[in-house]
Amino acid sequence: MPKKAPSARYKRRLERWASSASKAAAACGVGRGTLIDWINQGCPGKQAGGYDIEAIRAWRAENKGEVRGVADNGETTDAARLKKAQADEREAKAALAVLQLAIQRGELLPIIQIKERDLARIAAVKRGLLALPKAMATRLVGLPQKEIEVALRTAVNELLQRFARM
């Protein structure tokens, strides 16, 4: 049985809708990245049926002079790159302000304080471990090997637990 020819309605749907951003961008004569930029600027994006090519074209026509950074050939303009750099700078300044506020509130510590604290803890653990042989030697003389192992393991665990609470 021969296949039925697609209906006119189906053909119109194929002309109006694209199933992917790449296909929609190609139908509009731009790259996928440009289409994604437009969507981020308010262009209609993916809907239940895919990308509405007519809606995208209408949005572009309405926003022709306002589509930030896209020349007629779809390339990013110098003005758009400048705007993006300025926006990135504002975003970085805002992030820095958030960090500075957190430092003022005492929510963050400078890395040097953290390193100093960690080095002090490591030094204390090291001193404790190095002191164990002298502290344990007289208690272990004459004990069987198993008891020595248990006593040493217990002493090391107590030491580590004590330093874990620092």
Protein backbone atom coordinates (compact mmCIF):
# COMPACT_ATOMS: atom_id res chain seq x y z
CA MET A 1 0.00 0.00 0.00
CA PRO A 2 1.56 3.33 -1.02
CA LYS A 3 2.26 5.97 1.62
CA LYS A 4 -0.15 8.85 1.91
CA ALA A 5 1.17 12.22 0.89
CA PRO A 6 1.51 14.61 3.83
CA SER A 7 -1.43 16.92 4.27
CA ALA A 8 -1.16 20.65 3.63
CA ARG A 9 -1.68 21.25 7.35
CA TYR A 10 1.23 18.95 8.20
CA LYS A 11 3.46 20.71 5.65
CA ARG A 12 2.57 24.09 7.14
CA ARG A 13 3.40 22.78 10.59
CA LEU A 14 6.82 21.60 9.36
CA GLU A 15 7.44 25.06 7.90
CA ARG A 16 6.41 26.78 11.12
CA TRP A 17 7.88 24.52 13.80
CA ALA A 18 11.39 23.18 14.36
CA SER A 19 12.15 20.32 16.70
CA SER A 20 15.55 21.62 17.83
CA ALA A 21 17.34 24.91 18.43
CA SER A 22 19.76 24.10 15.61
CA LYS A 23 16.94 23.56 13.11
CA ALA A 24 15.12 26.71 14.25
CA ALA A 25 18.33 28.74 13.99
CA ALA A 26 18.99 27.41 10.49
CA ALA A 27 15.43 28.27 9.45
CA CYS A 28 16.05 31.84 10.68
CA GLY A 29 19.43 32.06 8.97
CA VAL A 30 21.52 32.32 12.14
CA GLY A 31 23.68 30.04 14.25
CA ARG A 32 22.40 28.06 17.21
CA GLY A 33 24.37 30.24 19.65
CA THR A 34 22.74 33.37 18.27
CA LEU A 35 19.29 31.85 18.73
CA ILE A 36 20.13 30.90 22.31
CA ASP A 37 21.31 34.50 22.92
CA TRP A 38 18.01 35.79 21.52
CA ILE A 39 16.05 33.43 23.77
CA ASN A 40 18.01 34.78 26.74
CA GLN A 41 16.97 38.28 25.60
CA GLY A 42 13.27 37.40 25.46
CA CYS A 43 12.77 35.66 22.12
CA PRO A 44 10.19 32.83 22.25
CA GLY A 45 11.97 29.59 23.11
CA LYS A 46 11.02 25.96 23.01
CA GLN A 47 7.37 25.21 23.56
CA ALA A 48 5.44 21.97 23.69
CA GLY A 49 5.53 21.56 19.91
CA GLY A 50 9.13 22.68 19.45
CA TYR A 51 10.40 26.07 18.29
CA ASP A 52 7.87 28.37 16.64
CA ILE A 53 9.86 29.74 13.69
CA GLU A 54 7.24 32.37 12.82
CA ALA A 55 7.24 33.66 16.42
CA ILE A 56 11.04 33.82 16.41
CA ARG A 57 11.06 35.72 13.11
CA ALA A 58 8.36 38.09 14.41
CA TRP A 59 10.33 38.70 17.60
CA ARG A 60 13.47 39.43 15.61
CA ALA A 61 11.60 41.84 13.31
CA GLU A 62 10.10 43.63 16.32
CA ASN A 63 13.44 43.83 18.07
CA LYS A 64 15.64 44.35 15.01
CA GLY A 65 17.35 47.42 16.41
CA GLU A 66 17.21 46.07 19.94
CA VAL A 67 18.51 42.56 19.46
CA ARG A 68 21.60 43.07 21.48
CA GLY A 69 24.80 42.30 19.74
CA VAL A 70 23.64 40.59 16.59
CA ALA A 71 24.39 42.08 13.21
CA ASP A 72 22.26 41.18 10.21
CA ASN A 73 24.70 38.39 9.39
CA GLY A 74 24.21 36.87 12.87
CA GLU A 75 27.69 37.83 14.13
CA THR A 76 28.22 39.32 17.58
CA THR A 77 29.00 43.03 17.39
CA ASP A 78 31.68 44.99 19.25
CA ALA A 79 28.95 46.86 21.10
CA ALA A 80 27.49 43.57 22.31
CA ARG A 81 30.86 42.32 23.46
CA LEU A 82 31.37 45.61 25.34
CA LYS A 83 27.93 45.31 26.97
CA LYS A 84 28.69 41.74 27.96
CA ALA A 85 32.05 42.75 29.44
CA GLN A 86 30.36 45.54 31.39
CA ALA A 87 27.68 43.16 32.64
CA ASP A 88 30.37 40.64 33.64
CA GLU A 89 32.21 43.40 35.52
CA ARG A 90 29.03 44.41 37.38
CA GLU A 91 28.39 40.79 38.26
CA ALA A 92 31.96 40.35 39.55
CA LYS A 93 31.69 43.53 41.65
CA ALA A 94 28.40 42.32 43.12
CA ALA A 95 29.94 38.94 43.98
CA LEU A 96 32.89 40.71 45.61
CA ALA A 97 30.52 42.88 47.66
CA VAL A 98 28.71 39.75 48.87
CA LEU A 99 32.03 38.21 49.96
CA GLN A 100 33.14 41.39 51.72
CA LEU A 101 29.84 41.55 53.60
CA ALA A 102 30.21 37.92 54.66
CA ILE A 103 33.73 38.69 55.95
CA GLN A 104 32.42 41.70 57.90
CA ARG A 105 29.72 39.55 59.46
CA GLY A 106 32.33 36.98 60.48
CA GLU A 107 30.86 34.32 58.21
CA LEU A 108 34.14 33.87 56.32
CA LEU A 109 37.72 33.74 57.52
CA PRO A 110 40.80 34.80 55.63
CA ILE A 111 42.70 31.78 54.31
CA ILE A 112 45.76 32.66 56.38
CA GLN A 113 43.75 32.21 59.60
CA ILE A 114 42.49 28.84 58.43
CA LYS A 115 46.02 27.72 57.48
CA GLU A 116 47.42 28.88 60.83
CA ARG A 117 44.67 27.04 62.72
CA ASP A 118 45.20 23.86 60.72
CA LEU A 119 48.99 24.01 61.15
CA ALA A 120 48.55 24.45 64.91
CA ARG A 121 46.28 21.40 65.06
CA ILE A 122 48.71 19.32 63.00
CA ALA A 123 51.62 20.38 65.23
CA ALA A 124 49.63 19.44 68.36
CA VAL A 125 48.80 15.99 66.95
CA LYS A 126 52.44 15.50 65.96
CA ARG A 127 53.64 16.44 69.48
CA GLY A 128 51.11 14.06 71.01
CA LEU A 129 52.14 11.17 68.77
CA LEU A 130 55.85 11.80 69.36
CA ALA A 131 55.25 11.81 73.15
CA LEU A 132 53.50 8.42 73.10
CA PRO A 133 56.62 6.19 73.11
CA LYS A 134 58.04 7.88 76.23
CA ALA A 135 54.66 7.88 77.99
CA MET A 136 53.88 4.27 77.10
CA ALA A 137 57.29 2.59 77.34
CA THR A 138 57.30 1.83 81.07
CA ARG A 139 53.70 0.59 81.02
CA LEU A 140 54.38 -1.84 78.19
CA VAL A 141 57.54 -3.54 79.49
CA GLY A 142 57.02 -7.25 79.89
CA LEU A 143 53.53 -7.36 78.37
CA PRO A 144 52.72 -9.84 75.62
CA GLN A 145 52.65 -8.49 72.05
CA LYS A 146 48.84 -8.56 71.79
CA GLU A 147 48.43 -6.46 74.95
CA ILE A 148 51.06 -4.01 73.73
CA GLU A 149 49.18 -3.61 70.43
CA VAL A 150 45.88 -3.05 72.25
CA ALA A 151 47.43 -0.51 74.63
CA LEU A 152 49.11 1.40 71.78
CA ARG A 153 45.99 1.38 69.65
CA THR A 154 43.91 2.64 72.59
CA ALA A 155 46.41 5.41 73.34
CA VAL A 156 46.55 6.51 69.67
CA ASN A 157 42.73 6.50 69.39
CA GLU A 158 42.37 8.55 72.60
CA LEU A 159 44.93 11.03 71.31
CA LEU A 160 43.19 11.36 67.94
CA GLN A 161 39.78 11.75 69.60
CA ARG A 162 41.13 14.47 71.89
CA PHE A 163 42.52 16.41 68.89
CA ALA A 164 39.36 15.88 66.85
CA ARG A 165 37.51 18.03 69.40
CA MET A 166 39.92 20.97 69.03
